[in-house]
C-alpha atoms as a PDB file:
ATOM      1  CA  MET A   1      18.785  74.715  79.654  1.00  0.00           C
ATOM      2  CA  ASN A   2      15.490  76.037  80.974  1.00  0.00           C
ATOM      3  CA  GLU A   3      13.814  75.159  84.270  1.00  0.00           C
ATOM      4  CA  LYS A   4      11.465  72.579  82.737  1.00  0.00           C
ATOM      5  CA  GLU A   5      14.359  70.758  81.038  1.00  0.00           C
ATOM      6  CA  TYR A   6      16.383  70.854  84.250  1.00  0.00           C
ATOM      7  CA  ASN A   7      13.537  69.409  86.330  1.00  0.00           C
ATOM      8  CA  ASP A   8      12.891  66.748  83.697  1.00  0.00           C
ATOM      9  CA  ILE A   9      16.507  65.586  83.638  1.00  0.00           C
ATOM     10  CA  GLN A  10      16.748  65.677  87.438  1.00  0.00           C
ATOM     11  CA  SER A  11      13.648  63.469  87.648  1.00  0.00           C
ATOM     12  CA  HIS A  12      14.932  60.966  85.055  1.00  0.00           C
ATOM     13  CA  ALA A  13      18.370  60.758  86.698  1.00  0.00           C
ATOM     14  CA  LYS A  14      16.903  59.031  89.754  1.00  0.00           C
ATOM     15  CA  LYS A  15      15.882  56.044  87.622  1.00  0.00           C
ATOM     16  CA  HIS A  16      19.384  55.234  86.403  1.00  0.00           C
ATOM     17  CA  LYS A  17      22.251  53.246  87.854  1.00  0.00           C
ATOM     18  CA  TYR A  18      24.799  56.043  87.557  1.00  0.00           C
ATOM     19  CA  SER A  19      23.944  59.722  87.824  1.00  0.00           C
ATOM     20  CA  TYR A  20      25.374  63.075  88.763  1.00  0.00           C
ATOM     21  CA  PRO A  21      23.460  64.508  91.754  1.00  0.00           C
ATOM     22  CA  PHE A  22      21.668  67.131  89.665  1.00  0.00           C
ATOM     23  CA  HIS A  23      20.360  68.986  92.711  1.00  0.00           C
ATOM     24  CA  HIS A  24      23.901  70.366  93.059  1.00  0.00           C
ATOM     25  CA  MET A  25      23.264  72.448  89.952  1.00  0.00           C
ATOM     26  CA  GLU A  26      20.825  74.488  92.013  1.00  0.00           C
ATOM     27  CA  TYR A  27      23.862  76.083  93.684  1.00  0.00           C
ATOM     28  CA  GLY A  28      25.133  77.247  90.304  1.00  0.00           C
ATOM     29  CA  ASP A  29      23.273  78.481  87.287  1.00  0.00           C
ATOM     30  CA  TYR A  30      21.893  75.570  85.285  1.00  0.00           C
ATOM     31  CA  LYS A  31      20.600  78.063  82.736  1.00  0.00           C
ATOM     32  CA  ASP A  32      24.177  78.437  81.461  1.00  0.00           C
ATOM     33  CA  ALA A  33      24.315  74.729  80.598  1.00  0.00           C
ATOM     34  CA  TYR A  34      23.055  73.082  77.435  1.00  0.00           C
ATOM     35  CA  ILE A  35      21.733  69.589  76.740  1.00  0.00           C
ATOM     36  CA  MET A  36      23.995  67.686  74.381  1.00  0.00           C
ATOM     37  CA  VAL A  37      22.164  64.346  74.610  1.00  0.00           C
ATOM     38  CA  HIS A  38      19.013  63.317  76.456  1.00  0.00           C
ATOM     39  CA  THR A  39      17.387  59.948  75.798  1.00  0.00           C
ATOM     40  CA  ASP A  40      15.676  57.327  77.932  1.00  0.00           C
ATOM     41  CA  ALA A  41      19.075  55.649  78.363  1.00  0.00           C
ATOM     42  CA  LEU A  42      21.344  58.580  79.165  1.00  0.00           C
ATOM     43  CA  ALA A  43      21.840  62.325  79.437  1.00  0.00           C
ATOM     44  CA  LEU A  44      24.865  64.491  78.798  1.00  0.00           C
ATOM     45  CA  VAL A  45      24.623  68.137  79.886  1.00  0.00           C
ATOM     46  CA  VAL A  46      27.528  70.535  79.316  1.00  0.00           C
ATOM     47  CA  ASP A  47      28.399  73.815  81.003  1.00  0.00           C
ATOM     48  CA  LYS A  48      31.349  75.639  79.433  1.00  0.00           C
ATOM     49  CA  ASP A  49      33.339  77.661  81.959  1.00  0.00           C
ATOM     50  CA  ASN A  50      36.858  79.078  81.588  1.00  0.00           C
ATOM     51  CA  GLY A  51      37.373  76.931  78.496  1.00  0.00           C
ATOM     52  CA  CYS A  52      36.373  73.718  80.307  1.00  0.00           C
ATOM     53  CA  ASN A  53      33.487  71.383  79.525  1.00  0.00           C
ATOM     54  CA  ASN A  54      31.862  70.598  82.873  1.00  0.00           C
ATOM     55  CA  VAL A  55      29.784  67.485  82.191  1.00  0.00           C
ATOM     56  CA  TYR A  56      26.640  66.477  84.089  1.00  0.00           C
ATOM     57  CA  TRP A  57      25.193  63.093  83.355  1.00  0.00           C
ATOM     58  CA  PHE A  58      23.181  59.945  83.964  1.00  0.00           C
ATOM     59  CA  PHE A  59      23.481  56.541  82.289  1.00  0.00           C
ATOM     60  CA  ASP A  60      23.335  52.804  82.847  1.00  0.00           C
ATOM     61  CA  GLU A  61      26.093  51.720  80.442  1.00  0.00           C
ATOM     62  CA  PRO A  62      29.323  53.760  80.590  1.00  0.00           C
ATOM     63  CA  ILE A  63      30.590  52.631  77.175  1.00  0.00           C
ATOM     64  CA  GLU A  64      27.580  54.081  75.351  1.00  0.00           C
ATOM     65  CA  PHE A  65      27.960  57.313  77.307  1.00  0.00           C
ATOM     66  CA  LEU A  66      31.665  57.538  76.449  1.00  0.00           C
ATOM     67  CA  THR A  67      30.906  57.432  72.723  1.00  0.00           C
ATOM     68  CA  HIS A  68      28.978  60.699  73.077  1.00  0.00           C
ATOM     69  CA  LEU A  69      31.851  62.333  74.971  1.00  0.00           C
ATOM     70  CA  LYS A  70      33.990  61.944  71.844  1.00  0.00           C
ATOM     71  CA  CYS A  71      32.076  64.854  70.324  1.00  0.00           C
ATOM     72  CA  LEU A  72      33.579  67.284  72.852  1.00  0.00           C
ATOM     73  CA  SER A  73      36.922  69.035  72.467  1.00  0.00           C
ATOM     74  CA  GLY A  74      39.076  70.841  75.014  1.00  0.00           C
ATOM     75  CA  LYS A  75      39.177  69.953  78.701  1.00  0.00           C
ATOM     76  CA  ILE A  76      36.402  67.674  79.951  1.00  0.00           C
ATOM     77  CA  ILE A  77      35.639  67.526  83.679  1.00  0.00           C
ATOM     78  CA  MET A  78      33.265  65.059  85.370  1.00  0.00           C
ATOM     79  CA  GLU A  79      32.376  65.189  89.053  1.00  0.00           C
ATOM     80  CA  PHE A  80      30.902  62.582  91.436  1.00  0.00           C
ATOM     81  CA  VAL A  81      32.211  59.670  89.343  1.00  0.00           C
ATOM     82  CA  PRO A  82      31.571  56.311  91.090  1.00  0.00           C
ATOM     83  CA  LYS A  83      34.808  54.611  92.084  1.00  0.00           C
ATOM     84  CA  GLU A  84      33.871  51.396  90.293  1.00  0.00           C
ATOM     85  CA  LEU A  85      33.904  53.321  86.998  1.00  0.00           C
ATOM     86  CA  ILE A  86      37.305  54.974  87.403  1.00  0.00           C
ATOM     87  CA  ASP A  87      39.244  52.233  85.585  1.00  0.00           C
ATOM     88  CA  THR A  88      36.795  52.326  82.680  1.00  0.00           C
ATOM     89  CA  PHE A  89      37.203  56.080  82.217  1.00  0.00           C
ATOM     90  CA  VAL A  90      40.975  55.923  82.700  1.00  0.00           C
ATOM     91  CA  ALA A  91      41.101  53.400  79.853  1.00  0.00           C
ATOM     92  CA  TYR A  92      39.497  56.096  77.688  1.00  0.00           C
ATOM     93  CA  GLY A  93      42.182  58.637  78.552  1.00  0.00           C
ATOM     94  CA  PHE A  94      40.778  60.264  81.702  1.00  0.00           C
ATOM     95  CA  THR A  95      42.889  60.969  84.778  1.00  0.00           C
ATOM     96  CA  VAL A  96      41.838  61.500  88.379  1.00  0.00           C
ATOM     97  CA  TYR A  97      41.881  65.231  89.053  1.00  0.00           C
ATOM     98  CA  ALA A  98      40.987  64.991  92.741  1.00  0.00           C
ATOM     99  CA  GLU A  99      39.117  63.007  95.357  1.00  0.00           C
ATOM    100  CA  TYR A 100      37.438  65.465  97.690  1.00  0.00           C
ATOM    101  CA  ILE A 101      36.553  64.268 101.176  1.00  0.00           C
ATOM    102  CA  ASP A 102      33.992  66.076 103.341  1.00  0.00           C
ATOM    103  CA  PHE A 103      35.197  67.245 106.752  1.00  0.00           C
ATOM    104  CA  PHE A 104      32.965  68.651 109.495  1.00  0.00           C
ATOM    105  CA  ASN A 105      33.614  70.408 112.760  1.00  0.00           C
ATOM    106  CA  ASN A 106      30.519  69.471 114.760  1.00  0.00           C
ATOM    107  CA  ASN A 107      31.234  71.660 117.787  1.00  0.00           C
ATOM    108  CA  LEU A 108      32.203  75.074 116.464  1.00  0.00           C
ATOM    109  CA  PRO A 109      31.497  76.932 119.750  1.00  0.00           C
ATOM    110  CA  GLU A 110      34.102  74.820 121.531  1.00  0.00           C
ATOM    111  CA  THR A 111      36.682  75.522 118.823  1.00  0.00           C
ATOM    112  CA  ALA A 112      35.876  79.229 118.557  1.00  0.00           C
ATOM    113  CA  GLN A 113      36.351  79.942 122.263  1.00  0.00           C
ATOM    114  CA  PHE A 114      40.106  79.646 121.740  1.00  0.00           C
ATOM    115  CA  ILE A 115      40.193  81.950 118.670  1.00  0.00           C
ATOM    116  CA  ALA A 116      40.814  85.676 118.936  1.00  0.00           C
ATOM    117  CA  ASP A 117      39.870  88.193 116.257  1.00  0.00           C
ATOM    118  CA  ASN A 118      42.809  88.985 113.972  1.00  0.00           C
ATOM    119  CA  SER A 119      43.025  92.668 113.044  1.00  0.00           C
ATOM    120  CA  GLU A 120      45.472  91.917 110.216  1.00  0.00           C
ATOM    121  CA  ILE A 121      42.780  90.030 108.299  1.00  0.00           C
ATOM    122  CA  GLU A 122      40.286  92.026 106.273  1.00  0.00           C
ATOM    123  CA  ASN A 123      36.983  91.166 104.647  1.00  0.00           C
ATOM    124  CA  ILE A 124      37.722  92.249 101.083  1.00  0.00           C
ATOM    125  CA  CYS A 125      35.295  93.394  98.400  1.00  0.00           C
ATOM    126  CA  TYR A 126      34.743  92.422  94.782  1.00  0.00           C
ATOM    127  CA  GLU A 127      37.194  95.116  93.618  1.00  0.00           C
ATOM    128  CA  ASP A 128      40.011  92.751  94.690  1.00  0.00           C
ATOM    129  CA  LYS A 129      38.783  90.007  92.341  1.00  0.00           C
ATOM    130  CA  ASP A 130      41.780  90.246  90.013  1.00  0.00           C
ATOM    131  CA  ALA A 131      44.282  90.110  92.889  1.00  0.00           C
ATOM    132  CA  CYS A 132      42.651  86.908  94.183  1.00  0.00           C
ATOM    133  CA  ARG A 133      42.637  85.380  90.723  1.00  0.00           C
ATOM    134  CA  GLN A 134      46.292  86.222  90.106  1.00  0.00           C
ATOM    135  CA  MET A 135      47.331  84.768  93.449  1.00  0.00           C
ATOM    136  CA  SER A 136      45.322  81.593  92.871  1.00  0.00           C
ATOM    137  CA  LEU A 137      47.153  81.034  89.569  1.00  0.00           C
ATOM    138  CA  LEU A 138      50.377  80.694  91.572  1.00  0.00           C
ATOM    139  CA  CYS A 139      48.818  77.904  93.657  1.00  0.00           C
ATOM    140  CA  ILE A 140      47.537  75.631  90.889  1.00  0.00           C
ATOM    141  CA  GLU A 141      50.532  73.274  90.989  1.00  0.00           C
ATOM    142  CA  GLN A 142      50.786  73.341  94.785  1.00  0.00           C
ATOM    143  CA  SER A 143      48.189  70.640  95.452  1.00  0.00           C
ATOM    144  CA  ARG A 144      46.038  68.239  93.472  1.00  0.00           C
ATOM    145  CA  GLY A 145      42.550  69.507  92.803  1.00  0.00           C
ATOM    146  CA  PHE A 146      43.210  73.209  93.332  1.00  0.00           C
ATOM    147  CA  ALA A 147      41.050  74.782  90.635  1.00  0.00           C
ATOM    148  CA  TYR A 148      41.393  78.073  88.818  1.00  0.00           C
ATOM    149  CA  GLU A 149      38.481  80.475  89.224  1.00  0.00           C
ATOM    150  CA  SER A 150      37.622  83.441  87.028  1.00  0.00           C
ATOM    151  CA  GLU A 151      37.457  87.099  88.024  1.00  0.00           C
ATOM    152  CA  LYS A 152      33.674  86.832  87.718  1.00  0.00           C
ATOM    153  CA  TRP A 153      33.620  83.972  90.222  1.00  0.00           C
ATOM    154  CA  TYR A 154      35.470  86.052  92.817  1.00  0.00           C
ATOM    155  CA  MET A 155      33.318  89.084  92.095  1.00  0.00           C
ATOM    156  CA  ASP A 156      30.097  87.105  92.500  1.00  0.00           C
ATOM    157  CA  TRP A 157      31.345  85.391  95.647  1.00  0.00           C
ATOM    158  CA  ALA A 158      32.444  88.658  97.289  1.00  0.00           C
ATOM    159  CA  LYS A 159      29.066  90.232  96.557  1.00  0.00           C
ATOM    160  CA  GLU A 160      27.044  87.428  98.140  1.00  0.00           C
ATOM    161  CA  HIS A 161      29.444  85.841 100.653  1.00  0.00           C
ATOM    162  CA  HIS A 162      32.800  86.680 102.274  1.00  0.00           C
ATOM    163  CA  ILE A 163      36.480  86.662 101.331  1.00  0.00           C
ATOM    164  CA  PHE A 164      38.970  87.109 104.164  1.00  0.00           C
ATOM    165  CA  ALA A 165      42.475  88.153 103.142  1.00  0.00           C
ATOM    166  CA  ILE A 166      45.914  88.986 104.479  1.00  0.00           C
ATOM    167  CA  ARG A 167      48.136  91.528 102.730  1.00  0.00           C
ATOM    168  CA  CYS A 168      51.841  92.280 102.787  1.00  0.00           C
ATOM    169  CA  ILE A 169      52.822  95.759 101.551  1.00  0.00           C
ATOM    170  CA  GLY A 170      49.373  96.060 100.011  1.00  0.00           C
ATOM    171  CA  GLU A 171      49.543  92.762  98.119  1.00  0.00           C
ATOM    172  CA  ILE A 172      47.177  89.866  98.936  1.00  0.00           C
ATOM    173  CA  ILE A 173      49.258  86.895 100.065  1.00  0.00           C
ATOM    174  CA  GLY A 174      46.431  84.650 101.245  1.00  0.00           C
ATOM    175  CA  TYR A 175      42.660  84.482 101.232  1.00  0.00           C
ATOM    176  CA  CYS A 176      39.788  82.326 102.442  1.00  0.00           C
ATOM    177  CA  CYS A 177      36.290  82.212 100.922  1.00  0.00           C
ATOM    178  CA  ALA A 178      33.565  81.483 103.465  1.00  0.00           C
ATOM    179  CA  SER A 179      29.786  81.439 103.620  1.00  0.00           C
ATOM    180  CA  ILE A 180      27.044  80.482 106.058  1.00  0.00           C
ATOM    181  CA  TYR A 181      24.191  78.195 105.007  1.00  0.00           C
ATOM    182  CA  ALA A 182      21.611  75.757 106.404  1.00  0.00           C
ATOM    183  CA  ASN A 183      19.640  78.487 108.190  1.00  0.00           C
ATOM    184  CA  ASN A 184      22.857  80.045 109.494  1.00  0.00           C
ATOM    185  CA  THR A 185      23.920  76.884 111.312  1.00  0.00           C
ATOM    186  CA  ILE A 186      26.954  75.852 109.209  1.00  0.00           C
ATOM    187  CA  VAL A 187      29.904  77.926 108.032  1.00  0.00           C
ATOM    188  CA  TRP A 188      31.353  76.639 104.753  1.00  0.00           C
ATOM    189  CA  VAL A 189      35.075  77.155 104.171  1.00  0.00           C
ATOM    190  CA  ARG A 190      34.854  77.114 100.392  1.00  0.00           C
ATOM    191  CA  ARG A 191      38.401  77.975  99.364  1.00  0.00           C
ATOM    192  CA  LEU A 192      41.694  78.591 101.175  1.00  0.00           C
ATOM    193  CA  ALA A 193      44.831  79.702  99.325  1.00  0.00           C
ATOM    194  CA  VAL A 194      48.212  81.097 100.310  1.00  0.00           C
ATOM    195  CA  SER A 195      50.854  82.402  97.933  1.00  0.00           C
ATOM    196  CA  PRO A 196      53.619  79.747  97.603  1.00  0.00           C
ATOM    197  CA  GLN A 197      56.360  81.983  99.038  1.00  0.00           C
ATOM    198  CA  TRP A 198      54.245  82.594 102.140  1.00  0.00           C
ATOM    199  CA  GLN A 199      53.244  79.000 102.815  1.00  0.00           C
ATOM    200  CA  ARG A 200      54.296  77.231 106.035  1.00  0.00           C
ATOM    201  CA  LYS A 201      54.290  80.583 107.853  1.00  0.00           C
ATOM    202  CA  GLY A 202      50.928  80.330 109.620  1.00  0.00           C
ATOM    203  CA  ILE A 203      48.965  82.351 107.030  1.00  0.00           C
ATOM    204  CA  GLY A 204      46.588  79.518 106.162  1.00  0.00           C
ATOM    205  CA  GLU A 205      45.954  78.762 109.827  1.00  0.00           C
ATOM    206  CA  ALA A 206      45.197  82.424 110.580  1.00  0.00           C
ATOM    207  CA  LEU A 207      42.712  82.613 107.685  1.00  0.00           C
ATOM    208  CA  LEU A 208      40.989  79.383 108.706  1.00  0.00           C
ATOM    209  CA  LYS A 209      40.638  80.627 112.288  1.00  0.00           C
ATOM    210  CA  GLN A 210      39.111  83.883 111.081  1.00  0.00           C
ATOM    211  CA  ALA A 211      36.569  82.038 108.934  1.00  0.00           C
ATOM    212  CA  LEU A 212      35.590  79.797 111.853  1.00  0.00           C
ATOM    213  CA  LEU A 213      35.304  82.770 114.206  1.00  0.00           C
ATOM    214  CA  PHE A 214      33.167  84.595 111.629  1.00  0.00           C
ATOM    215  CA  GLY A 215      30.842  81.598 111.447  1.00  0.00           C
ATOM    216  CA  PHE A 216      30.513  81.325 115.208  1.00  0.00           C
ATOM    217  CA  GLN A 217      29.875  85.060 115.634  1.00  0.00           C
ATOM    218  CA  ASN A 218      27.072  84.799 113.102  1.00  0.00           C
ATOM    219  CA  GLY A 219      25.298  81.874 114.750  1.00  0.00           C
ATOM    220  CA  ALA A 220      26.881  78.813 113.144  1.00  0.00           C
ATOM    221  CA  SER A 221      27.377  75.784 115.378  1.00  0.00           C
ATOM    222  CA  ARG A 222      29.157  73.601 112.794  1.00  0.00           C
ATOM    223  CA  ALA A 223      31.744  74.081 110.052  1.00  0.00           C
ATOM    224  CA  PHE A 224      32.189  72.268 106.739  1.00  0.00           C
ATOM    225  CA  LEU A 225      34.876  72.018 104.070  1.00  0.00           C
ATOM    226  CA  HIS A 226      36.193  69.486 101.628  1.00  0.00           C
ATOM    227  CA  VAL A 227      39.786  68.689 100.785  1.00  0.00           C
ATOM    228  CA  ASP A 228      41.611  66.383  98.381  1.00  0.00           C
ATOM    229  CA  SER A 229      42.586  63.078  99.951  1.00  0.00           C
ATOM    230  CA  ASP A 230      46.237  63.599  98.921  1.00  0.00           C
ATOM    231  CA  ASN A 231      46.558  67.017 100.601  1.00  0.00           C
ATOM    232  CA  GLU A 232      48.050  65.823 103.883  1.00  0.00           C
ATOM    233  CA  PRO A 233      49.287  69.256 105.124  1.00  0.00           C
ATOM    234  CA  ALA A 234      45.782  70.725 104.762  1.00  0.00           C
ATOM    235  CA  ILE A 235      44.136  67.706 106.386  1.00  0.00           C
ATOM    236  CA  SER A 236      46.527  67.993 109.331  1.00  0.00           C
ATOM    237  CA  LEU A 237      45.593  71.665 109.735  1.00  0.00           C
ATOM    238  CA  TYR A 238      41.870  70.971 109.602  1.00  0.00           C
ATOM    239  CA  ARG A 239      42.099  68.167 112.167  1.00  0.00           C
ATOM    240  CA  LYS A 240      43.944  70.569 114.475  1.00  0.00           C
ATOM    241  CA  PHE A 241      40.794  72.703 114.514  1.00  0.00           C
ATOM    242  CA  GLY A 242      38.309  69.966 115.237  1.00  0.00           C
ATOM    243  CA  PHE A 243      37.460  68.723 111.746  1.00  0.00           C
ATOM    244  CA  SER A 244      36.910  65.039 111.065  1.00  0.00           C
ATOM    245  CA  VAL A 245      35.792  62.964 108.085  1.00  0.00           C
ATOM    246  CA  SER A 246      32.019  62.949 107.654  1.00  0.00           C
ATOM    247  CA  GLY A 247      31.911  59.255 106.781  1.00  0.00           C
ATOM    248  CA  CYS A 248      30.540  59.810 103.285  1.00  0.00           C
ATOM    249  CA  GLU A 249      32.355  58.470 100.236  1.00  0.00           C
ATOM    250  CA  GLY A 250      34.740  60.943  98.621  1.00  0.00           C
ATOM    251  CA  GLN A 251      33.778  62.938  95.541  1.00  0.00           C
ATOM    252  CA  VAL A 252      35.972  61.766  92.664  1.00  0.00           C
ATOM    253  CA  ILE A 253      36.591  64.218  89.817  1.00  0.00           C
ATOM    254  CA  ILE A 254      38.149  63.080  86.558  1.00  0.00           C
ATOM    255  CA  GLN A 255      39.414  65.066  83.590  1.00  0.00           C
ATOM    256  CA  LYS A 256      40.587  64.647  80.024  1.00  0.00           C
ATOM    257  CA  GLN A 257      42.128  66.999  77.497  1.00  0.00           C
ATOM    258  CA  VAL A 258      40.894  66.470  73.941  1.00  0.00           C
ATOM    259  CA  TYR A 259      42.818  68.178  71.148  1.00  0.00           C
ATOM    260  CA  THR A 260      41.329  68.832  67.728  1.00  0.00           C
END
């Protein structure tokens, strides 16, 4: 999909009852996506990644849109699905993959004053991409909504942002992906994972603290992350460090596996 097509679809999406917030594609690479259907009534844009069909969309009538989805095979993932449509999509074989809720810490300086730098945590480089990927595979069944990322994802993230990690005998046992945005005012805790055998030992808390301290030391006054509504242990940890629900409606993600 080229820039003109992307801008055209983004403009049309605003006129429809249901639409994916296409501006989010600016944070990825919309050029990797292709337009499957685009009419006055609906659009279906697909980005294939790690064998999954990530679907971006707008429509007024869900049933008509669902007929076009039948042309896809493999795993189908849809984000930002309105809650009033969940039952309709479930009837067509979809399941809820996650419901992400936005959490903010709106006073990072106050939180950071009680955090000391941890010398055991390192800021790793893209050469550790495979180690992060392998460890994340162990965590997939640990909580709803924990997604697999490719080696390329970790490599790209480490080049442009930061990955903090803890090792044991040279092996990565936990990591946290973090970045600063909004003119260096907000630190984003993008991903936090701890190897199952090392969970409940304070590793996740140490990584979160390091990410928050990193944000504060680089000028951020707030922190942001999102977490699945069913992940009570993580939510408890985040609240401990000053995070609270933003008040916005959760982001529902649904999925379906289509076999051919």
